[in-house]
């Protein structure tokens, strides 16, 4: 099977939207430190580019979580594969995601992080796929709302490939 990728969102569109998000976040957090929690692995490229555009102090931490195990359906249980390396109590925290799909894992992660008593907790995502939502989750900063397509690039992968593309593309599979 051959994979074909068609551009959905260009590099230039992504760059412009990240500039816009950075300005909005800076305005919302004026005079305060911002603590990004990047959800691995897909969110790394987006988070780094966003952080570089913000002039305020940005602290970076990482989590790797799953609610899927070996299935394509959420188990309803949050499994922490890698936890934060410092407390977030009293801090202004933004969860940085590559894509919000069903919302299951993110809604559980948000509840877990709220139990750790941050001063504030918001969510920032590169892509939002609202047609797939099954769990309610409030997203504070969204770069792009997209239709229910399988997308890769700019951190998103298919079988660990295509994360390094500088655009978002729709992947399709062609019979050989």
C-alpha atoms as a PDB file:
ATOM      1  CA  UNK A   1       0.000   0.000   0.000  1.00  0.00           C
ATOM      2  CA  UNK A   2       1.294   3.451  -0.923  1.00  0.00           C
ATOM      3  CA  UNK A   3       0.686   6.532   1.211  1.00  0.00           C
ATOM      4  CA  UNK A   4      -0.311   9.819  -0.407  1.00  0.00           C
ATOM      5  CA  UNK A   5      -0.331  13.147   1.448  1.00  0.00           C
ATOM      6  CA  UNK A   6      -2.318  16.173   0.292  1.00  0.00           C
ATOM      7  CA  UNK A   7      -1.678  19.550   1.913  1.00  0.00           C
ATOM      8  CA  UNK A   8      -4.498  20.709   4.199  1.00  0.00           C
ATOM      9  CA  UNK A   9      -2.753  23.559   6.051  1.00  0.00           C
ATOM     10  CA  UNK A  10       0.419  25.163   4.678  1.00  0.00           C
ATOM     11  CA  UNK A  11       3.566  26.032   6.581  1.00  0.00           C
ATOM     12  CA  UNK A  12       2.752  29.729   6.097  1.00  0.00           C
ATOM     13  CA  UNK A  13      -0.760  29.322   7.522  1.00  0.00           C
ATOM     14  CA  UNK A  14       0.632  27.487  10.556  1.00  0.00           C
ATOM     15  CA  UNK A  15       3.273  30.163  11.164  1.00  0.00           C
ATOM     16  CA  UNK A  16       0.710  32.975  10.934  1.00  0.00           C
ATOM     17  CA  UNK A  17      -1.686  31.221  13.323  1.00  0.00           C
ATOM     18  CA  UNK A  18       1.081  30.505  15.855  1.00  0.00           C
ATOM     19  CA  UNK A  19       2.020  34.199  15.792  1.00  0.00           C
ATOM     20  CA  UNK A  20      -1.624  35.042  16.499  1.00  0.00           C
ATOM     21  CA  UNK A  21      -1.900  32.468  19.343  1.00  0.00           C
ATOM     22  CA  UNK A  22       1.356  33.658  20.933  1.00  0.00           C
ATOM     23  CA  UNK A  23       0.134  37.272  20.951  1.00  0.00           C
ATOM     24  CA  UNK A  24      -3.189  36.221  22.507  1.00  0.00           C
ATOM     25  CA  UNK A  25      -1.508  34.118  25.206  1.00  0.00           C
ATOM     26  CA  UNK A  26       0.958  36.928  25.984  1.00  0.00           C
ATOM     27  CA  UNK A  27      -1.935  39.350  26.400  1.00  0.00           C
ATOM     28  CA  UNK A  28      -3.890  36.927  28.612  1.00  0.00           C
ATOM     29  CA  UNK A  29      -0.865  36.226  30.852  1.00  0.00           C
ATOM     30  CA  UNK A  30       0.709  39.673  30.868  1.00  0.00           C
ATOM     31  CA  UNK A  31       3.256  39.951  33.681  1.00  0.00           C
ATOM     32  CA  UNK A  32       2.934  36.285  34.691  1.00  0.00           C
ATOM     33  CA  UNK A  33       5.058  33.222  34.077  1.00  0.00           C
ATOM     34  CA  UNK A  34       3.502  30.620  31.789  1.00  0.00           C
ATOM     35  CA  UNK A  35       3.977  26.897  32.376  1.00  0.00           C
ATOM     36  CA  UNK A  36       3.474  24.778  29.272  1.00  0.00           C
ATOM     37  CA  UNK A  37       2.777  21.086  29.677  1.00  0.00           C
ATOM     38  CA  UNK A  38       3.373  19.391  26.369  1.00  0.00           C
ATOM     39  CA  UNK A  39       1.502  16.163  25.739  1.00  0.00           C
ATOM     40  CA  UNK A  40       3.994  13.872  24.015  1.00  0.00           C
ATOM     41  CA  UNK A  41       4.851  13.132  21.312  1.00  0.00           C
ATOM     42  CA  UNK A  42       2.832  15.046  18.772  1.00  0.00           C
ATOM     43  CA  UNK A  43       2.686  18.368  20.604  1.00  0.00           C
ATOM     44  CA  UNK A  44       6.450  18.973  20.760  1.00  0.00           C
ATOM     45  CA  UNK A  45       6.944  20.814  17.472  1.00  0.00           C
ATOM     46  CA  UNK A  46       3.909  23.043  18.026  1.00  0.00           C
ATOM     47  CA  UNK A  47       4.876  23.809  21.632  1.00  0.00           C
ATOM     48  CA  UNK A  48       8.465  24.739  20.735  1.00  0.00           C
ATOM     49  CA  UNK A  49       7.394  27.061  17.927  1.00  0.00           C
ATOM     50  CA  UNK A  50       4.712  28.648  20.136  1.00  0.00           C
ATOM     51  CA  UNK A  51       7.078  29.115  23.091  1.00  0.00           C
ATOM     52  CA  UNK A  52       9.680  30.832  20.891  1.00  0.00           C
ATOM     53  CA  UNK A  53       7.103  33.476  19.890  1.00  0.00           C
ATOM     54  CA  UNK A  54       6.180  34.397  23.485  1.00  0.00           C
ATOM     55  CA  UNK A  55       8.252  37.109  25.164  1.00  0.00           C
ATOM     56  CA  UNK A  56       7.095  36.298  28.722  1.00  0.00           C
ATOM     57  CA  UNK A  57       8.832  33.610  30.771  1.00  0.00           C
ATOM     58  CA  UNK A  58       7.765  30.207  29.468  1.00  0.00           C
ATOM     59  CA  UNK A  59       8.548  27.095  31.468  1.00  0.00           C
ATOM     60  CA  UNK A  60       8.274  23.748  29.719  1.00  0.00           C
ATOM     61  CA  UNK A  61       7.364  20.343  31.077  1.00  0.00           C
ATOM     62  CA  UNK A  62       6.196  17.108  29.485  1.00  0.00           C
ATOM     63  CA  UNK A  63       3.675  14.343  30.075  1.00  0.00           C
ATOM     64  CA  UNK A  64       3.048  11.165  28.159  1.00  0.00           C
ATOM     65  CA  UNK A  65      -0.408   9.767  28.821  1.00  0.00           C
ATOM     66  CA  UNK A  66      -2.760   7.253  27.288  1.00  0.00           C
ATOM     67  CA  UNK A  67      -6.282   6.011  27.799  1.00  0.00           C
ATOM     68  CA  UNK A  68      -6.184   3.642  24.857  1.00  0.00           C
ATOM     69  CA  UNK A  69      -3.696   0.892  25.759  1.00  0.00           C
ATOM     70  CA  UNK A  70      -3.492  -1.417  22.745  1.00  0.00           C
ATOM     71  CA  UNK A  71      -6.977  -0.521  21.537  1.00  0.00           C
ATOM     72  CA  UNK A  72      -8.414   2.140  19.270  1.00  0.00           C
ATOM     73  CA  UNK A  73     -11.121   2.881  21.858  1.00  0.00           C
ATOM     74  CA  UNK A  74     -10.471   4.624  25.157  1.00  0.00           C
ATOM     75  CA  UNK A  75     -10.484   2.382  28.222  1.00  0.00           C
ATOM     76  CA  UNK A  76     -11.774   5.246  30.361  1.00  0.00           C
ATOM     77  CA  UNK A  77      -8.671   4.993  32.556  1.00  0.00           C
ATOM     78  CA  UNK A  78      -5.785   7.421  32.281  1.00  0.00           C
ATOM     79  CA  UNK A  79      -2.387   5.748  32.191  1.00  0.00           C
ATOM     80  CA  UNK A  80       0.553   8.021  32.946  1.00  0.00           C
ATOM     81  CA  UNK A  81       3.534   6.858  30.912  1.00  0.00           C
ATOM     82  CA  UNK A  82       5.652   9.861  31.955  1.00  0.00           C
ATOM     83  CA  UNK A  83       4.668  12.365  34.643  1.00  0.00           C
ATOM     84  CA  UNK A  84       5.730  15.948  35.299  1.00  0.00           C
ATOM     85  CA  UNK A  85       9.091  16.452  36.968  1.00  0.00           C
ATOM     86  CA  UNK A  86       7.955  19.382  39.128  1.00  0.00           C
ATOM     87  CA  UNK A  87       4.759  20.442  40.931  1.00  0.00           C
ATOM     88  CA  UNK A  88       2.279  22.816  39.294  1.00  0.00           C
ATOM     89  CA  UNK A  89       0.496  24.070  42.437  1.00  0.00           C
ATOM     90  CA  UNK A  90      -0.043  27.825  42.248  1.00  0.00           C
ATOM     91  CA  UNK A  91       1.197  28.087  38.646  1.00  0.00           C
ATOM     92  CA  UNK A  92      -0.479  29.298  35.452  1.00  0.00           C
ATOM     93  CA  UNK A  93      -0.526  26.162  33.311  1.00  0.00           C
ATOM     94  CA  UNK A  94      -1.368  25.620  29.651  1.00  0.00           C
ATOM     95  CA  UNK A  95      -1.683  22.087  28.306  1.00  0.00           C
ATOM     96  CA  UNK A  96      -0.278  22.112  24.760  1.00  0.00           C
ATOM     97  CA  UNK A  97      -1.709  19.470  22.419  1.00  0.00           C
ATOM     98  CA  UNK A  98      -1.232  18.669  18.767  1.00  0.00           C
ATOM     99  CA  UNK A  99      -4.847  17.597  18.172  1.00  0.00           C
ATOM    100  CA  UNK A 100      -8.048  17.235  20.165  1.00  0.00           C
ATOM    101  CA  UNK A 101     -10.061  14.354  18.790  1.00  0.00           C
ATOM    102  CA  UNK A 102     -12.502  12.402  20.996  1.00  0.00           C
ATOM    103  CA  UNK A 103     -11.525  14.479  24.046  1.00  0.00           C
ATOM    104  CA  UNK A 104     -11.466  11.418  26.336  1.00  0.00           C
ATOM    105  CA  UNK A 105      -7.785  11.435  27.251  1.00  0.00           C
ATOM    106  CA  UNK A 106      -7.569  15.222  27.465  1.00  0.00           C
ATOM    107  CA  UNK A 107     -10.619  15.541  29.727  1.00  0.00           C
ATOM    108  CA  UNK A 108      -9.120  12.947  32.111  1.00  0.00           C
ATOM    109  CA  UNK A 109      -5.731  14.675  31.996  1.00  0.00           C
ATOM    110  CA  UNK A 110      -7.335  18.023  32.767  1.00  0.00           C
ATOM    111  CA  UNK A 111      -9.084  16.579  35.839  1.00  0.00           C
ATOM    112  CA  UNK A 112      -5.818  15.034  37.045  1.00  0.00           C
ATOM    113  CA  UNK A 113      -3.930  18.311  36.647  1.00  0.00           C
ATOM    114  CA  UNK A 114      -6.685  20.336  38.331  1.00  0.00           C
ATOM    115  CA  UNK A 115      -6.326  18.047  41.359  1.00  0.00           C
ATOM    116  CA  UNK A 116      -2.721  19.301  41.604  1.00  0.00           C
ATOM    117  CA  UNK A 117      -3.988  22.841  42.324  1.00  0.00           C
ATOM    118  CA  UNK A 118      -2.571  25.051  39.593  1.00  0.00           C
ATOM    119  CA  UNK A 119      -3.437  28.752  39.805  1.00  0.00           C
ATOM    120  CA  UNK A 120      -5.047  28.390  36.362  1.00  0.00           C
ATOM    121  CA  UNK A 121      -5.280  25.656  33.746  1.00  0.00           C
ATOM    122  CA  UNK A 122      -6.042  26.190  30.075  1.00  0.00           C
ATOM    123  CA  UNK A 123      -5.758  24.118  26.919  1.00  0.00           C
ATOM    124  CA  UNK A 124      -4.063  25.134  23.675  1.00  0.00           C
ATOM    125  CA  UNK A 125      -4.263  22.930  20.598  1.00  0.00           C
ATOM    126  CA  UNK A 126      -2.927  23.160  17.091  1.00  0.00           C
ATOM    127  CA  UNK A 127      -5.869  21.207  15.663  1.00  0.00           C
ATOM    128  CA  UNK A 128      -9.406  20.610  16.865  1.00  0.00           C
ATOM    129  CA  UNK A 129     -11.535  17.880  15.318  1.00  0.00           C
ATOM    130  CA  UNK A 130     -14.948  18.646  16.918  1.00  0.00           C
ATOM    131  CA  UNK A 131     -16.872  16.094  14.812  1.00  0.00           C
ATOM    132  CA  UNK A 132     -15.071  13.307  16.719  1.00  0.00           C
ATOM    133  CA  UNK A 133     -15.756  14.660  20.218  1.00  0.00           C
ATOM    134  CA  UNK A 134     -17.331  12.226  22.684  1.00  0.00           C
ATOM    135  CA  UNK A 135     -16.103  13.801  25.941  1.00  0.00           C
ATOM    136  CA  UNK A 136     -16.681  17.452  26.696  1.00  0.00           C
ATOM    137  CA  UNK A 137     -13.498  19.458  26.971  1.00  0.00           C
ATOM    138  CA  UNK A 138     -13.177  23.246  26.894  1.00  0.00           C
ATOM    139  CA  UNK A 139     -10.386  24.385  24.596  1.00  0.00           C
ATOM    140  CA  UNK A 140      -9.137  27.884  25.319  1.00  0.00           C
ATOM    141  CA  UNK A 141      -6.813  28.367  22.357  1.00  0.00           C
ATOM    142  CA  UNK A 142      -7.383  26.646  19.009  1.00  0.00           C
ATOM    143  CA  UNK A 143      -5.311  27.283  15.909  1.00  0.00           C
ATOM    144  CA  UNK A 144      -7.392  25.331  13.382  1.00  0.00           C
ATOM    145  CA  UNK A 145     -10.686  23.440  13.419  1.00  0.00           C
ATOM    146  CA  UNK A 146     -10.516  20.618  10.915  1.00  0.00           C
ATOM    147  CA  UNK A 147     -12.920  18.028   9.495  1.00  0.00           C
ATOM    148  CA  UNK A 148     -12.720  14.351  10.420  1.00  0.00           C
ATOM    149  CA  UNK A 149      -9.705  13.456   8.267  1.00  0.00           C
ATOM    150  CA  UNK A 150      -6.591  11.438   9.094  1.00  0.00           C
ATOM    151  CA  UNK A 151      -3.880  14.112   9.232  1.00  0.00           C
ATOM    152  CA  UNK A 152      -0.098  14.017   9.543  1.00  0.00           C
ATOM    153  CA  UNK A 153       2.733  16.502   9.716  1.00  0.00           C
ATOM    154  CA  UNK A 154       3.909  19.184  12.084  1.00  0.00           C
ATOM    155  CA  UNK A 155       4.225  16.650  14.897  1.00  0.00           C
ATOM    156  CA  UNK A 156       1.362  14.334  13.935  1.00  0.00           C
ATOM    157  CA  UNK A 157       2.327  10.911  12.685  1.00  0.00           C
ATOM    158  CA  UNK A 158       1.263   7.755  10.971  1.00  0.00           C
ATOM    159  CA  UNK A 159       3.281   4.798  12.341  1.00  0.00           C
ATOM    160  CA  UNK A 160       5.860   7.320  13.659  1.00  0.00           C
ATOM    161  CA  UNK A 161       6.389   8.773  10.166  1.00  0.00           C
ATOM    162  CA  UNK A 162       5.687  12.296   8.838  1.00  0.00           C
ATOM    163  CA  UNK A 163       6.055  14.203  12.142  1.00  0.00           C
ATOM    164  CA  UNK A 164       8.790  16.291  10.506  1.00  0.00           C
ATOM    165  CA  UNK A 165       6.625  17.691   7.694  1.00  0.00           C
ATOM    166  CA  UNK A 166       6.321  21.486   7.969  1.00  0.00           C
ATOM    167  CA  UNK A 167       2.640  21.400   6.947  1.00  0.00           C
ATOM    168  CA  UNK A 168      -0.501  19.498   7.912  1.00  0.00           C
ATOM    169  CA  UNK A 169      -1.540  16.962   5.317  1.00  0.00           C
ATOM    170  CA  UNK A 170      -4.353  14.493   4.774  1.00  0.00           C
ATOM    171  CA  UNK A 171      -2.987  11.009   4.367  1.00  0.00           C
ATOM    172  CA  UNK A 172      -4.678   8.478   2.124  1.00  0.00           C
ATOM    173  CA  UNK A 173      -3.720   4.947   1.274  1.00  0.00           C
ATOM    174  CA  UNK A 174      -3.528   3.749  -2.321  1.00  0.00           C
ATOM    175  CA  UNK A 175      -3.614   0.138  -3.406  1.00  0.00           C
ATOM    176  CA  UNK A 176      -0.605  -0.874  -5.475  1.00  0.00           C
END
